[in-house]
Amino acid sequence: MRKDILALGMFVMFLGLVFLCVSRIAIEQQWMMIPGARAEPTDPVERLSIQGDLKEGERFKVTFTLRNFTPYSLELGVVVNVTDPNGYSKLYEIPLSSSGTGTPLLVEPFPEDIANYTGTYKVSAEGYDVTLRSLVLQRKGEPLYPYSFIFPVGIAIFLGGGGISLLAVKMRARAQLSKRKGLRNKRR
């Protein structure tokens, strides 16, 4: 019985599985600005509009910066309208609160969504009792797989380990068959 070769085959198969798992490690990308999808007027305004190209399934986020405001405002907020290439609009209301020093604070995070269609998305934002300094459309970068080159190596190692294990099992079977043949010849 070739238990040592069988153990070697199992170890090589395990090593192949480790390589396969490592090859699928993903590194998440940060938010990237879409080229041309940024509005920064010289004077802050209450309403800004931008547009940017997105592909179906991409994650996107709308960010903006605000100018200081009068702390006595009752209703503070920004309404963001995102229109997809087919003309469907989605409204996001982002309430703001006052820090007491005239600096607006976000109550909710910036709106994020997934693009349903490929094409040009139009984004407009309007501030209530607050003026906008800039409006930016960002997309989430695709995850990177830096070890993807190891995938075929992992498959080859795994199959090699399977072959070694199979060879060990066959060697054991052949050894038993030859012993049986030897016993038969002696009995005759």
Foldseek 3Di string as FASTA:
>chain_A
DCVVLLVVLVVLLVVLVVLQVLQPDWDWFDWAFAPFFKDADPDFAQKDKGKHWDAAFWKKFKDFAWDFFPQPDDFWWKWKWKAAPVGDIDIDIWGWHDPVPRHIHTPDDTDMDGHHHTDMMMMMMGIDRITTRMMTMITTDDIDRPSNVSNVVSVVSNVVSVVSNVVSVVVVVVVVVVVVVVVVVVVD
